[in-house]
Amino acid sequence: MKRKLGLIASKHETIADFWNLVTWNHKFDHDNMVHIRKFIARHNQKIVECTNLSSVVSALRDIQQVGS
C-alpha cells in the first residue's frame, strides 16, 4: 500500500493497477470459491479460514500439534 501511495519506490504500478488486482481477486473468489469448497469437501480435507494474523498463528499451532 505504501508503494501505491508513493511513499516508497514504485515498480511503475498505479492505483488503477492496484484496483484492477483487487477487483480481479474479488471476481476470482466469487466465481471459484464454491467449486473449491466442494472439491476440498469431496476429498475430506478440513477448511481453515483465517481473517487476521492471530487466527493464522493459531491454525498453524493446531496443525503442528496434530502432526506431533
PDB file of N, CA and C in Angstrom:
ATOM      1  N   MET A   1       0.828  -1.191   0.000  1.00  0.00           N
ATOM      2  CA  MET A   1       0.000   0.000   0.000  1.00  0.00           C
ATOM      3  C   MET A   1       0.870   1.250   0.000  1.00  0.00           C
ATOM      4  N   LYS A   2       1.978   1.217   0.765  1.00  0.00           N
ATOM      5  CA  LYS A   2       2.853   2.384   0.797  1.00  0.00           C
ATOM      6  C   LYS A   2       3.375   2.716  -0.592  1.00  0.00           C
ATOM      7  N   ARG A   3       3.702   1.663  -1.361  1.00  0.00           N
ATOM      8  CA  ARG A   3       4.183   1.879  -2.724  1.00  0.00           C
ATOM      9  C   ARG A   3       3.086   2.531  -3.561  1.00  0.00           C
ATOM     10  N   LYS A   4       1.846   2.104  -3.355  1.00  0.00           N
ATOM     11  CA  LYS A   4       0.731   2.651  -4.124  1.00  0.00           C
ATOM     12  C   LYS A   4       0.503   4.132  -3.816  1.00  0.00           C
ATOM     13  N   LEU A   5       0.813   4.522  -2.596  1.00  0.00           N
ATOM     14  CA  LEU A   5       0.629   5.916  -2.197  1.00  0.00           C
ATOM     15  C   LEU A   5       1.838   6.773  -2.528  1.00  0.00           C
ATOM     16  N   GLY A   6       2.884   6.156  -3.096  1.00  0.00           N
ATOM     17  CA  GLY A   6       4.070   6.909  -3.475  1.00  0.00           C
ATOM     18  C   GLY A   6       5.026   7.161  -2.331  1.00  0.00           C
ATOM     19  N   LEU A   7       4.872   6.437  -1.220  1.00  0.00           N
ATOM     20  CA  LEU A   7       5.744   6.648  -0.065  1.00  0.00           C
ATOM     21  C   LEU A   7       7.059   5.891  -0.187  1.00  0.00           C
ATOM     22  N   ILE A   8       7.088   4.866  -1.026  1.00  0.00           N
ATOM     23  CA  ILE A   8       8.326   4.133  -1.286  1.00  0.00           C
ATOM     24  C   ILE A   8       8.459   3.933  -2.795  1.00  0.00           C
ATOM     25  N   ALA A   9       9.624   3.478  -3.224  1.00  0.00           N
ATOM     26  CA  ALA A   9       9.911   3.327  -4.653  1.00  0.00           C
ATOM     27  C   ALA A   9       8.848   2.485  -5.352  1.00  0.00           C
ATOM     28  N   SER A  10       8.479   2.909  -6.537  1.00  0.00           N
ATOM     29  CA  SER A  10       7.431   2.228  -7.297  1.00  0.00           C
ATOM     30  C   SER A  10       8.017   1.279  -8.315  1.00  0.00           C
ATOM     31  N   LYS A  11       7.251   0.267  -8.660  1.00  0.00           N
ATOM     32  CA  LYS A  11       7.596  -0.641  -9.744  1.00  0.00           C
ATOM     33  C   LYS A  11       6.739  -0.293 -10.952  1.00  0.00           C
ATOM     34  N   HIS A  12       6.431   0.985 -11.111  1.00  0.00           N
ATOM     35  CA  HIS A  12       5.620   1.504 -12.211  1.00  0.00           C
ATOM     36  C   HIS A  12       4.189   0.989 -12.145  1.00  0.00           C
ATOM     37  N   GLU A  13       3.695   0.744 -10.944  1.00  0.00           N
ATOM     38  CA  GLU A  13       2.310   0.349 -10.763  1.00  0.00           C
ATOM     39  C   GLU A  13       1.518   1.573 -10.323  1.00  0.00           C
ATOM     40  N   THR A  14       0.280   1.608 -10.702  1.00  0.00           N
ATOM     41  CA  THR A  14      -0.571   2.744 -10.370  1.00  0.00           C
ATOM     42  C   THR A  14      -1.704   2.295  -9.443  1.00  0.00           C
ATOM     43  N   ILE A  15      -2.438   3.269  -8.947  1.00  0.00           N
ATOM     44  CA  ILE A  15      -3.638   2.964  -8.154  1.00  0.00           C
ATOM     45  C   ILE A  15      -4.608   2.158  -9.012  1.00  0.00           C
ATOM     46  N   ALA A  16      -4.684   2.476 -10.284  1.00  0.00           N
ATOM     47  CA  ALA A  16      -5.567   1.724 -11.191  1.00  0.00           C
ATOM     48  C   ALA A  16      -5.129   0.262 -11.270  1.00  0.00           C
ATOM     49  N   ASP A  17      -3.803   0.017 -11.321  1.00  0.00           N
ATOM     50  CA  ASP A  17      -3.303  -1.363 -11.330  1.00  0.00           C
ATOM     51  C   ASP A  17      -3.706  -2.086 -10.057  1.00  0.00           C
ATOM     52  N   PHE A  18      -3.570  -1.404  -8.928  1.00  0.00           N
ATOM     53  CA  PHE A  18      -3.952  -1.977  -7.635  1.00  0.00           C
ATOM     54  C   PHE A  18      -5.448  -2.295  -7.627  1.00  0.00           C
ATOM     55  N   TRP A  19      -6.263  -1.366  -8.103  1.00  0.00           N
ATOM     56  CA  TRP A  19      -7.709  -1.573  -8.127  1.00  0.00           C
ATOM     57  C   TRP A  19      -8.072  -2.745  -9.042  1.00  0.00           C
ATOM     58  N   ASN A  20      -7.395  -2.850 -10.174  1.00  0.00           N
ATOM     59  CA  ASN A  20      -7.643  -3.978 -11.075  1.00  0.00           C
ATOM     60  C   ASN A  20      -7.330  -5.303 -10.392  1.00  0.00           C
ATOM     61  N   LEU A  21      -6.246  -5.346  -9.623  1.00  0.00           N
ATOM     62  CA  LEU A  21      -5.891  -6.557  -8.887  1.00  0.00           C
ATOM     63  C   LEU A  21      -6.953  -6.900  -7.850  1.00  0.00           C
ATOM     64  N   VAL A  22      -7.401  -5.906  -7.104  1.00  0.00           N
ATOM     65  CA  VAL A  22      -8.429  -6.137  -6.079  1.00  0.00           C
ATOM     66  C   VAL A  22      -9.724  -6.638  -6.715  1.00  0.00           C
ATOM     67  N   THR A  23     -10.145  -6.022  -7.799  1.00  0.00           N
ATOM     68  CA  THR A  23     -11.397  -6.449  -8.430  1.00  0.00           C
ATOM     69  C   THR A  23     -11.251  -7.832  -9.069  1.00  0.00           C
ATOM     70  N   TRP A  24     -10.084  -8.113  -9.662  1.00  0.00           N
ATOM     71  CA  TRP A  24      -9.854  -9.448 -10.221  1.00  0.00           C
ATOM     72  C   TRP A  24      -9.926 -10.491  -9.116  1.00  0.00           C
ATOM     73  N   ASN A  25      -9.296 -10.205  -7.977  1.00  0.00           N
ATOM     74  CA  ASN A  25      -9.292 -11.145  -6.856  1.00  0.00           C
ATOM     75  C   ASN A  25     -10.717 -11.387  -6.348  1.00  0.00           C
ATOM     76  N   HIS A  26     -11.498 -10.334  -6.233  1.00  0.00           N
ATOM     77  CA  HIS A  26     -12.878 -10.474  -5.771  1.00  0.00           C
ATOM     78  C   HIS A  26     -13.684 -11.332  -6.755  1.00  0.00           C
ATOM     79  N   LYS A  27     -13.512 -11.077  -8.045  1.00  0.00           N
ATOM     80  CA  LYS A  27     -14.224 -11.856  -9.060  1.00  0.00           C
ATOM     81  C   LYS A  27     -13.794 -13.322  -9.018  1.00  0.00           C
ATOM     82  N   PHE A  28     -12.490 -13.576  -8.868  1.00  0.00           N
ATOM     83  CA  PHE A  28     -11.997 -14.943  -8.784  1.00  0.00           C
ATOM     84  C   PHE A  28     -12.638 -15.658  -7.594  1.00  0.00           C
ATOM     85  N   ASP A  29     -12.609 -15.005  -6.425  1.00  0.00           N
ATOM     86  CA  ASP A  29     -13.221 -15.610  -5.237  1.00  0.00           C
ATOM     87  C   ASP A  29     -14.696 -15.907  -5.472  1.00  0.00           C
ATOM     88  N   HIS A  30     -15.413 -14.953  -6.020  1.00  0.00           N
ATOM     89  CA  HIS A  30     -16.843 -15.121  -6.247  1.00  0.00           C
ATOM     90  C   HIS A  30     -17.119 -16.273  -7.217  1.00  0.00           C
ATOM     91  N   ASP A  31     -16.335 -16.360  -8.272  1.00  0.00           N
ATOM     92  CA  ASP A  31     -16.564 -17.357  -9.314  1.00  0.00           C
ATOM     93  C   ASP A  31     -16.068 -18.758  -8.938  1.00  0.00           C
ATOM     94  N   ASN A  32     -15.066 -18.842  -8.085  1.00  0.00           N
ATOM     95  CA  ASN A  32     -14.399 -20.128  -7.876  1.00  0.00           C
ATOM     96  C   ASN A  32     -14.507 -20.736  -6.482  1.00  0.00           C
ATOM     97  N   MET A  33     -14.815 -19.945  -5.460  1.00  0.00           N
ATOM     98  CA  MET A  33     -14.786 -20.474  -4.097  1.00  0.00           C
ATOM     99  C   MET A  33     -15.792 -21.593  -3.873  1.00  0.00           C
ATOM    100  N   VAL A  34     -16.947 -21.541  -4.486  1.00  0.00           N
ATOM    101  CA  VAL A  34     -17.933 -22.603  -4.335  1.00  0.00           C
ATOM    102  C   VAL A  34     -17.359 -23.917  -4.860  1.00  0.00           C
ATOM    103  N   HIS A  35     -16.726 -23.872  -6.019  1.00  0.00           N
ATOM    104  CA  HIS A  35     -16.129 -25.075  -6.616  1.00  0.00           C
ATOM    105  C   HIS A  35     -14.951 -25.577  -5.776  1.00  0.00           C
ATOM    106  N   ILE A  36     -14.155 -24.651  -5.276  1.00  0.00           N
ATOM    107  CA  ILE A  36     -13.001 -25.023  -4.446  1.00  0.00           C
ATOM    108  C   ILE A  36     -13.472 -25.711  -3.165  1.00  0.00           C
ATOM    109  N   ARG A  37     -14.481 -25.142  -2.510  1.00  0.00           N
ATOM    110  CA  ARG A  37     -15.000 -25.741  -1.275  1.00  0.00           C
ATOM    111  C   ARG A  37     -15.577 -27.139  -1.529  1.00  0.00           C
ATOM    112  N   LYS A  38     -16.282 -27.327  -2.635  1.00  0.00           N
ATOM    113  CA  LYS A  38     -16.831 -28.650  -2.956  1.00  0.00           C
ATOM    114  C   LYS A  38     -15.703 -29.653  -3.187  1.00  0.00           C
ATOM    115  N   PHE A  39     -14.662 -29.235  -3.905  1.00  0.00           N
ATOM    116  CA  PHE A  39     -13.517 -30.097  -4.166  1.00  0.00           C
ATOM    117  C   PHE A  39     -12.849 -30.520  -2.863  1.00  0.00           C
ATOM    118  N   ILE A  40     -12.638 -29.573  -1.975  1.00  0.00           N
ATOM    119  CA  ILE A  40     -11.998 -29.862  -0.687  1.00  0.00           C
ATOM    120  C   ILE A  40     -12.864 -30.812   0.125  1.00  0.00           C
ATOM    121  N   ALA A  41     -14.162 -30.570   0.163  1.00  0.00           N
ATOM    122  CA  ALA A  41     -15.080 -31.419   0.930  1.00  0.00           C
ATOM    123  C   ALA A  41     -15.100 -32.845   0.389  1.00  0.00           C
ATOM    124  N   ARG A  42     -15.079 -32.992  -0.940  1.00  0.00           N
ATOM    125  CA  ARG A  42     -15.077 -34.326  -1.548  1.00  0.00           C
ATOM    126  C   ARG A  42     -13.839 -35.119  -1.162  1.00  0.00           C
ATOM    127  N   HIS A  43     -12.752 -34.434  -0.886  1.00  0.00           N
ATOM    128  CA  HIS A  43     -11.503 -35.110  -0.540  1.00  0.00           C
ATOM    129  C   HIS A  43     -11.262 -35.136   0.969  1.00  0.00           C
ATOM    130  N   ASN A  44     -12.326 -34.878   1.733  1.00  0.00           N
ATOM    131  CA  ASN A  44     -12.295 -34.952   3.193  1.00  0.00           C
ATOM    132  C   ASN A  44     -11.171 -34.128   3.817  1.00  0.00           C
ATOM    133  N   GLN A  45     -10.974 -32.941   3.295  1.00  0.00           N
ATOM    134  CA  GLN A  45      -9.974 -32.043   3.848  1.00  0.00           C
ATOM    135  C   GLN A  45     -10.659 -30.981   4.698  1.00  0.00           C
ATOM    136  N   LYS A  46      -9.990 -30.579   5.768  1.00  0.00           N
ATOM    137  CA  LYS A  46     -10.527 -29.571   6.658  1.00  0.00           C
ATOM    138  C   LYS A  46     -10.267 -28.178   6.084  1.00  0.00           C
ATOM    139  N   ILE A  47     -11.264 -27.318   6.128  1.00  0.00           N
ATOM    140  CA  ILE A  47     -11.129 -25.937   5.683  1.00  0.00           C
ATOM    141  C   ILE A  47     -10.841 -25.068   6.895  1.00  0.00           C
ATOM    142  N   VAL A  48      -9.802 -24.258   6.788  1.00  0.00           N
ATOM    143  CA  VAL A  48      -9.450 -23.319   7.851  1.00  0.00           C
ATOM    144  C   VAL A  48      -9.470 -21.922   7.240  1.00  0.00           C
ATOM    145  N   GLU A  49     -10.339 -21.071   7.748  1.00  0.00           N
ATOM    146  CA  GLU A  49     -10.405 -19.696   7.254  1.00  0.00           C
ATOM    147  C   GLU A  49      -9.813 -18.772   8.296  1.00  0.00           C
ATOM    148  N   CYS A  50      -8.867 -17.970   7.873  1.00  0.00           N
ATOM    149  CA  CYS A  50      -8.188 -17.026   8.769  1.00  0.00           C
ATOM    150  C   CYS A  50      -8.507 -15.610   8.321  1.00  0.00           C
ATOM    151  N   THR A  51      -8.866 -14.777   9.288  1.00  0.00           N
ATOM    152  CA  THR A  51      -9.218 -13.398   8.960  1.00  0.00           C
ATOM    153  C   THR A  51      -8.185 -12.399   9.453  1.00  0.00           C
ATOM    154  N   ASN A  52      -7.230 -12.877  10.254  1.00  0.00           N
ATOM    155  CA  ASN A  52      -6.179 -11.983  10.741  1.00  0.00           C
ATOM    156  C   ASN A  52      -4.953 -12.818  11.122  1.00  0.00           C
ATOM    157  N   LEU A  53      -3.885 -12.148  11.489  1.00  0.00           N
ATOM    158  CA  LEU A  53      -2.639 -12.834  11.780  1.00  0.00           C
ATOM    159  C   LEU A  53      -2.768 -13.787  12.966  1.00  0.00           C
ATOM    160  N   SER A  54      -3.489 -13.395  14.002  1.00  0.00           N
ATOM    161  CA  SER A  54      -3.601 -14.276  15.171  1.00  0.00           C
ATOM    162  C   SER A  54      -4.341 -15.569  14.826  1.00  0.00           C
ATOM    163  N   SER A  55      -5.321 -15.514  13.925  1.00  0.00           N
ATOM    164  CA  SER A  55      -6.007 -16.746  13.539  1.00  0.00           C
ATOM    165  C   SER A  55      -5.100 -17.632  12.679  1.00  0.00           C
ATOM    166  N   VAL A  56      -4.192 -17.033  11.908  1.00  0.00           N
ATOM    167  CA  VAL A  56      -3.215 -17.812  11.138  1.00  0.00           C
ATOM    168  C   VAL A  56      -2.270 -18.530  12.092  1.00  0.00           C
ATOM    169  N   VAL A  57      -1.748 -17.800  13.070  1.00  0.00           N
ATOM    170  CA  VAL A  57      -0.830 -18.387  14.045  1.00  0.00           C
ATOM    171  C   VAL A  57      -1.509 -19.516  14.803  1.00  0.00           C
ATOM    172  N   SER A  58      -2.743 -19.308  15.208  1.00  0.00           N
ATOM    173  CA  SER A  58      -3.494 -20.333  15.925  1.00  0.00           C
ATOM    174  C   SER A  58      -3.697 -21.574  15.061  1.00  0.00           C
ATOM    175  N   ALA A  59      -4.052 -21.387  13.805  1.00  0.00           N
ATOM    176  CA  ALA A  59      -4.257 -22.525  12.903  1.00  0.00           C
ATOM    177  C   ALA A  59      -2.956 -23.292  12.695  1.00  0.00           C
ATOM    178  N   LEU A  60      -1.862 -22.583  12.562  1.00  0.00           N
ATOM    179  CA  LEU A  60      -0.570 -23.252  12.386  1.00  0.00           C
ATOM    180  C   LEU A  60      -0.169 -24.035  13.638  1.00  0.00           C
ATOM    181  N   ARG A  61      -0.471 -23.491  14.807  1.00  0.00           N
ATOM    182  CA  ARG A  61      -0.211 -24.213  16.063  1.00  0.00           C
ATOM    183  C   ARG A  61      -1.009 -25.504  16.092  1.00  0.00           C
ATOM    184  N   ASP A  62      -2.270 -25.431  15.711  1.00  0.00           N
ATOM    185  CA  ASP A  62      -3.131 -26.621  15.693  1.00  0.00           C
ATOM    186  C   ASP A  62      -2.583 -27.689  14.759  1.00  0.00           C
ATOM    187  N   ILE A  63      -2.102 -27.263  13.598  1.00  0.00           N
ATOM    188  CA  ILE A  63      -1.531 -28.205  12.632  1.00  0.00           C
ATOM    189  C   ILE A  63      -0.285 -28.866  13.199  1.00  0.00           C
ATOM    190  N   GLN A  64       0.569 -28.076  13.860  1.00  0.00           N
ATOM    191  CA  GLN A  64       1.786 -28.625  14.444  1.00  0.00           C
ATOM    192  C   GLN A  64       1.459 -29.641  15.536  1.00  0.00           C
ATOM    193  N   GLN A  65       0.431 -29.344  16.338  1.00  0.00           N
ATOM    194  CA  GLN A  65       0.069 -30.276  17.414  1.00  0.00           C
ATOM    195  C   GLN A  65      -0.461 -31.578  16.871  1.00  0.00           C
ATOM    196  N   VAL A  66      -1.214 -31.532  15.802  1.00  0.00           N
ATOM    197  CA  VAL A  66      -1.757 -32.745  15.187  1.00  0.00           C
ATOM    198  C   VAL A  66      -0.621 -33.580  14.609  1.00  0.00           C
ATOM    199  N   GLY A  67       0.370 -32.908  14.018  1.00  0.00           N
ATOM    200  CA  GLY A  67       1.487 -33.612  13.406  1.00  0.00           C
ATOM    201  C   GLY A  67       2.488 -34.168  14.391  1.00  0.00           C
ATOM    202  N   SER A  68       2.425 -33.746  15.634  1.00  0.00           N
ATOM    203  CA  SER A  68       3.394 -34.208  16.643  1.00  0.00           C
ATOM    204  C   SER A  68       3.041 -35.536  17.225  1.00  0.00           C
TER     205      SER A  68
END
